[in-house]
Amino acid sequence: MQDDCNRFSDYYHIIMLKKAALFIFVLLTSGTGLTLYLPEYIPPGENPKPFVILEDSLKQALQENLYLYSSYAFDESSEDKSQPAIQIGIYATLADARVAAYELARKDITLSQLPTIFKATDIKRQWYVMALGPLQDKTESQHLLLLLQEQLIPASPIVWPIAPKKFDSLK
């Protein structure tokens, strides 16, 4: 009888050890999965925002064609007086654009201004654009474009979609 109790006790301990090992394994894999899946947490108030959000564009998205004349944005022979800008990224959600702005801020790049995030739309879809602009002239935009491309940050020239006076009032 005592022998049966010891076997039962040993069997019970083995089962409990297996359950504990399984629990630890599930806990570790879940934690690892969530760490890899979720974006990095940025505590509020830790740093000032490394970007500007155009709040008005969130209520009413810009209907501008951002790529209109963008291939001519650096063309000196162009008579168009629109202001050049550099697009750093296009994102599906505002949260994605914010995370990208924080990641850009962590890189050791000296930019002449903070990136601006605004909402743009066309007939079928909407997106959030992170851009540097409006820039003073085409020389500054070419310099920033080269600087970003050297850091392996995909950037492209665009024409700034907001009039300068209106942009200053939106900040």
C-alpha atoms as a PDB file:
ATOM      1  CA  MET A   1       0.000   0.000   0.000  1.00  0.00           C
ATOM      2  CA  GLN A   2       2.820   2.385   0.909  1.00  0.00           C
ATOM      3  CA  ASP A   3       4.457   1.505  -2.408  1.00  0.00           C
ATOM      4  CA  ASP A   4       1.291   2.505  -4.298  1.00  0.00           C
ATOM      5  CA  CYS A   5       1.197   5.869  -2.491  1.00  0.00           C
ATOM      6  CA  ASN A   6       4.811   6.581  -3.408  1.00  0.00           C
ATOM      7  CA  ARG A   7       4.164   5.707  -7.048  1.00  0.00           C
ATOM      8  CA  PHE A   8       1.090   7.917  -7.071  1.00  0.00           C
ATOM      9  CA  SER A   9       3.047  10.738  -5.426  1.00  0.00           C
ATOM     10  CA  ASP A  10       5.889  10.377  -7.961  1.00  0.00           C
ATOM     11  CA  TYR A  11       3.398  10.272 -10.824  1.00  0.00           C
ATOM     12  CA  TYR A  12       1.653  13.373  -9.443  1.00  0.00           C
ATOM     13  CA  HIS A  13       4.954  15.285  -9.187  1.00  0.00           C
ATOM     14  CA  ILE A  14       5.898  14.367 -12.741  1.00  0.00           C
ATOM     15  CA  ILE A  15       2.548  15.597 -14.046  1.00  0.00           C
ATOM     16  CA  MET A  16       2.872  18.851 -12.082  1.00  0.00           C
ATOM     17  CA  LEU A  17       6.394  19.399 -13.422  1.00  0.00           C
ATOM     18  CA  LYS A  18       5.168  18.832 -16.983  1.00  0.00           C
ATOM     19  CA  LYS A  19       2.306  21.293 -16.458  1.00  0.00           C
ATOM     20  CA  ALA A  20       4.661  23.885 -14.975  1.00  0.00           C
ATOM     21  CA  ALA A  21       7.106  23.441 -17.865  1.00  0.00           C
ATOM     22  CA  LEU A  22       4.241  23.769 -20.367  1.00  0.00           C
ATOM     23  CA  PHE A  23       2.976  26.918 -18.602  1.00  0.00           C
ATOM     24  CA  ILE A  24       6.446  28.503 -18.673  1.00  0.00           C
ATOM     25  CA  PHE A  25       6.863  27.588 -22.340  1.00  0.00           C
ATOM     26  CA  VAL A  26       3.483  29.112 -23.279  1.00  0.00           C
ATOM     27  CA  LEU A  27       4.248  32.227 -21.242  1.00  0.00           C
ATOM     28  CA  LEU A  28       7.645  32.710 -22.905  1.00  0.00           C
ATOM     29  CA  THR A  29       6.377  32.128 -26.441  1.00  0.00           C
ATOM     30  CA  SER A  30       3.416  34.463 -25.882  1.00  0.00           C
ATOM     31  CA  GLY A  31       5.665  37.178 -24.504  1.00  0.00           C
ATOM     32  CA  THR A  32       8.126  36.786 -27.357  1.00  0.00           C
ATOM     33  CA  GLY A  33       5.334  36.851 -29.919  1.00  0.00           C
ATOM     34  CA  LEU A  34       3.773  39.986 -28.464  1.00  0.00           C
ATOM     35  CA  THR A  35       7.162  41.696 -28.194  1.00  0.00           C
ATOM     36  CA  LEU A  36       7.831  41.094 -31.870  1.00  0.00           C
ATOM     37  CA  TYR A  37       4.293  41.917 -33.020  1.00  0.00           C
ATOM     38  CA  LEU A  38       3.403  45.042 -31.051  1.00  0.00           C
ATOM     39  CA  PRO A  39       4.996  48.412 -31.851  1.00  0.00           C
ATOM     40  CA  GLU A  40       7.406  49.884 -29.354  1.00  0.00           C
ATOM     41  CA  TYR A  41       5.702  51.701 -26.484  1.00  0.00           C
ATOM     42  CA  ILE A  42       6.474  55.402 -26.377  1.00  0.00           C
ATOM     43  CA  PRO A  43       5.637  56.877 -22.959  1.00  0.00           C
ATOM     44  CA  PRO A  44       3.573  60.064 -23.113  1.00  0.00           C
ATOM     45  CA  GLY A  45       5.394  63.192 -22.086  1.00  0.00           C
ATOM     46  CA  GLU A  46       8.826  61.561 -22.163  1.00  0.00           C
ATOM     47  CA  ASN A  47      10.096  63.609 -25.097  1.00  0.00           C
ATOM     48  CA  PRO A  48       8.528  66.402 -27.073  1.00  0.00           C
ATOM     49  CA  LYS A  49       7.002  65.136 -30.272  1.00  0.00           C
ATOM     50  CA  PRO A  50       9.598  64.822 -33.011  1.00  0.00           C
ATOM     51  CA  PHE A  51       6.936  65.682 -35.604  1.00  0.00           C
ATOM     52  CA  VAL A  52       4.124  68.107 -36.400  1.00  0.00           C
ATOM     53  CA  ILE A  53       0.605  66.888 -37.138  1.00  0.00           C
ATOM     54  CA  LEU A  54      -1.630  69.053 -39.278  1.00  0.00           C
ATOM     55  CA  GLU A  55      -4.812  68.659 -37.221  1.00  0.00           C
ATOM     56  CA  ASP A  56      -7.029  70.272 -39.893  1.00  0.00           C
ATOM     57  CA  SER A  57      -6.032  67.607 -42.404  1.00  0.00           C
ATOM     58  CA  LEU A  58      -7.263  64.925 -39.983  1.00  0.00           C
ATOM     59  CA  LYS A  59     -10.764  66.429 -40.077  1.00  0.00           C
ATOM     60  CA  GLN A  60     -10.773  67.141 -43.795  1.00  0.00           C
ATOM     61  CA  ALA A  61      -8.097  65.276 -45.738  1.00  0.00           C
ATOM     62  CA  LEU A  62      -6.128  67.120 -48.392  1.00  0.00           C
ATOM     63  CA  GLN A  63      -7.478  66.399 -51.850  1.00  0.00           C
ATOM     64  CA  GLU A  64      -4.197  67.315 -53.472  1.00  0.00           C
ATOM     65  CA  ASN A  65      -2.355  65.080 -55.892  1.00  0.00           C
ATOM     66  CA  LEU A  66       0.992  64.949 -54.081  1.00  0.00           C
ATOM     67  CA  TYR A  67       2.801  63.659 -57.115  1.00  0.00           C
ATOM     68  CA  LEU A  68       1.488  66.349 -59.421  1.00  0.00           C
ATOM     69  CA  TYR A  69       4.592  67.859 -61.020  1.00  0.00           C
ATOM     70  CA  SER A  70       6.783  66.064 -58.485  1.00  0.00           C
ATOM     71  CA  SER A  71       9.106  64.937 -61.255  1.00  0.00           C
ATOM     72  CA  TYR A  72       9.535  68.629 -62.084  1.00  0.00           C
ATOM     73  CA  ALA A  73       9.927  69.729 -58.449  1.00  0.00           C
ATOM     74  CA  PHE A  74      13.681  70.073 -58.887  1.00  0.00           C
ATOM     75  CA  ASP A  75      13.588  71.298 -62.452  1.00  0.00           C
ATOM     76  CA  GLU A  76      15.133  74.774 -62.578  1.00  0.00           C
ATOM     77  CA  SER A  77      13.519  75.532 -65.935  1.00  0.00           C
ATOM     78  CA  SER A  78      10.050  75.071 -64.478  1.00  0.00           C
ATOM     79  CA  GLU A  79       8.109  78.292 -64.052  1.00  0.00           C
ATOM     80  CA  ASP A  80       5.919  76.771 -61.379  1.00  0.00           C
ATOM     81  CA  LYS A  81       6.514  78.600 -58.087  1.00  0.00           C
ATOM     82  CA  SER A  82       5.140  75.874 -55.824  1.00  0.00           C
ATOM     83  CA  GLN A  83       7.274  74.952 -52.869  1.00  0.00           C
ATOM     84  CA  PRO A  84       9.261  71.715 -52.930  1.00  0.00           C
ATOM     85  CA  ALA A  85       9.044  69.137 -50.165  1.00  0.00           C
ATOM     86  CA  ILE A  86      10.446  65.697 -49.397  1.00  0.00           C
ATOM     87  CA  GLN A  87       8.113  62.788 -48.731  1.00  0.00           C
ATOM     88  CA  ILE A  88       9.574  60.390 -46.197  1.00  0.00           C
ATOM     89  CA  GLY A  89       6.755  57.874 -46.042  1.00  0.00           C
ATOM     90  CA  ILE A  90       3.129  56.984 -46.661  1.00  0.00           C
ATOM     91  CA  TYR A  91       1.230  55.059 -43.975  1.00  0.00           C
ATOM     92  CA  ALA A  92      -2.165  53.427 -43.652  1.00  0.00           C
ATOM     93  CA  THR A  93      -2.822  54.736 -40.135  1.00  0.00           C
ATOM     94  CA  LEU A  94      -1.858  57.742 -38.071  1.00  0.00           C
ATOM     95  CA  ALA A  95      -0.342  55.404 -35.470  1.00  0.00           C
ATOM     96  CA  ASP A  96       1.993  53.931 -38.110  1.00  0.00           C
ATOM     97  CA  ALA A  97       3.065  57.426 -39.166  1.00  0.00           C
ATOM     98  CA  ARG A  98       3.762  58.419 -35.546  1.00  0.00           C
ATOM     99  CA  VAL A  99       5.868  55.299 -34.927  1.00  0.00           C
ATOM    100  CA  ALA A 100       7.849  56.012 -38.110  1.00  0.00           C
ATOM    101  CA  ALA A 101       8.408  59.604 -36.975  1.00  0.00           C
ATOM    102  CA  TYR A 102       9.741  58.405 -33.612  1.00  0.00           C
ATOM    103  CA  GLU A 103      12.009  55.905 -35.389  1.00  0.00           C
ATOM    104  CA  LEU A 104      13.320  58.682 -37.633  1.00  0.00           C
ATOM    105  CA  ALA A 105      13.983  60.830 -34.566  1.00  0.00           C
ATOM    106  CA  ARG A 106      16.085  58.035 -33.012  1.00  0.00           C
ATOM    107  CA  LYS A 107      18.418  58.036 -35.999  1.00  0.00           C
ATOM    108  CA  ASP A 108      21.310  60.445 -35.805  1.00  0.00           C
ATOM    109  CA  ILE A 109      20.202  62.739 -38.640  1.00  0.00           C
ATOM    110  CA  THR A 110      20.173  66.521 -38.408  1.00  0.00           C
ATOM    111  CA  LEU A 111      17.141  67.837 -40.269  1.00  0.00           C
ATOM    112  CA  SER A 112      16.380  71.500 -40.850  1.00  0.00           C
ATOM    113  CA  GLN A 113      12.826  71.033 -39.573  1.00  0.00           C
ATOM    114  CA  LEU A 114      10.517  68.539 -37.939  1.00  0.00           C
ATOM    115  CA  PRO A 115       8.667  66.126 -40.217  1.00  0.00           C
ATOM    116  CA  THR A 116       5.026  66.986 -40.817  1.00  0.00           C
ATOM    117  CA  ILE A 117       2.280  64.353 -40.842  1.00  0.00           C
ATOM    118  CA  PHE A 118      -0.912  65.051 -42.724  1.00  0.00           C
ATOM    119  CA  LYS A 119      -3.827  63.090 -44.094  1.00  0.00           C
ATOM    120  CA  ALA A 120      -4.322  62.908 -47.854  1.00  0.00           C
ATOM    121  CA  THR A 121      -7.007  61.258 -49.909  1.00  0.00           C
ATOM    122  CA  ASP A 122      -8.134  60.540 -53.424  1.00  0.00           C
ATOM    123  CA  ILE A 123     -11.399  59.110 -54.683  1.00  0.00           C
ATOM    124  CA  LYS A 124     -11.012  55.616 -53.208  1.00  0.00           C
ATOM    125  CA  ARG A 125      -8.550  55.698 -50.318  1.00  0.00           C
ATOM    126  CA  GLN A 126      -6.839  57.764 -47.679  1.00  0.00           C
ATOM    127  CA  TRP A 127      -3.379  57.671 -46.172  1.00  0.00           C
ATOM    128  CA  TYR A 128      -1.055  59.571 -43.872  1.00  0.00           C
ATOM    129  CA  VAL A 129       2.002  61.248 -45.333  1.00  0.00           C
ATOM    130  CA  MET A 130       5.161  62.125 -43.436  1.00  0.00           C
ATOM    131  CA  ALA A 131       7.044  64.873 -45.259  1.00  0.00           C
ATOM    132  CA  LEU A 132       9.620  67.594 -44.764  1.00  0.00           C
ATOM    133  CA  GLY A 133       8.317  70.883 -46.054  1.00  0.00           C
ATOM    134  CA  PRO A 134       7.646  73.368 -47.225  1.00  0.00           C
ATOM    135  CA  LEU A 135      11.298  73.877 -48.082  1.00  0.00           C
ATOM    136  CA  GLN A 136      12.857  77.223 -48.978  1.00  0.00           C
ATOM    137  CA  ASP A 137      14.283  76.270 -52.340  1.00  0.00           C
ATOM    138  CA  LYS A 138      15.223  73.383 -54.569  1.00  0.00           C
ATOM    139  CA  THR A 139      18.826  73.363 -53.336  1.00  0.00           C
ATOM    140  CA  GLU A 140      17.692  72.683 -49.767  1.00  0.00           C
ATOM    141  CA  SER A 141      15.355  69.952 -50.955  1.00  0.00           C
ATOM    142  CA  GLN A 142      18.097  68.278 -52.992  1.00  0.00           C
ATOM    143  CA  HIS A 143      20.435  68.412 -49.975  1.00  0.00           C
ATOM    144  CA  LEU A 144      17.826  66.820 -47.686  1.00  0.00           C
ATOM    145  CA  LEU A 145      16.946  64.204 -50.280  1.00  0.00           C
ATOM    146  CA  LEU A 146      20.602  63.139 -50.556  1.00  0.00           C
ATOM    147  CA  LEU A 147      21.026  63.181 -46.769  1.00  0.00           C
ATOM    148  CA  LEU A 148      18.017  60.884 -46.280  1.00  0.00           C
ATOM    149  CA  GLN A 149      19.015  58.550 -49.092  1.00  0.00           C
ATOM    150  CA  GLU A 150      22.539  58.225 -47.640  1.00  0.00           C
ATOM    151  CA  GLN A 151      20.902  57.017 -44.410  1.00  0.00           C
ATOM    152  CA  LEU A 152      18.891  54.467 -46.471  1.00  0.00           C
ATOM    153  CA  ILE A 153      15.635  56.276 -45.788  1.00  0.00           C
ATOM    154  CA  PRO A 154      13.384  56.109 -48.841  1.00  0.00           C
ATOM    155  CA  ALA A 155      12.512  59.667 -49.761  1.00  0.00           C
ATOM    156  CA  SER A 156      11.074  61.289 -52.849  1.00  0.00           C
ATOM    157  CA  PRO A 157      10.420  64.837 -54.016  1.00  0.00           C
ATOM    158  CA  ILE A 158       6.888  66.163 -53.897  1.00  0.00           C
ATOM    159  CA  VAL A 159       5.265  69.533 -54.274  1.00  0.00           C
ATOM    160  CA  TRP A 160       4.051  70.906 -50.920  1.00  0.00           C
ATOM    161  CA  PRO A 161       0.249  70.655 -51.082  1.00  0.00           C
ATOM    162  CA  ILE A 162      -0.592  73.570 -48.729  1.00  0.00           C
ATOM    163  CA  ALA A 163      -0.180  77.285 -49.348  1.00  0.00           C
ATOM    164  CA  PRO A 164       2.567  78.767 -47.077  1.00  0.00           C
ATOM    165  CA  LYS A 165       0.327  81.239 -45.218  1.00  0.00           C
ATOM    166  CA  LYS A 166      -2.283  78.585 -44.520  1.00  0.00           C
ATOM    167  CA  PHE A 167       0.410  76.116 -43.377  1.00  0.00           C
ATOM    168  CA  ASP A 168       1.818  78.558 -40.800  1.00  0.00           C
ATOM    169  CA  SER A 169      -1.645  79.020 -39.304  1.00  0.00           C
ATOM    170  CA  LEU A 170      -2.175  75.235 -39.074  1.00  0.00           C
ATOM    171  CA  LYS A 171       0.918  74.500 -36.951  1.00  0.00           C
END
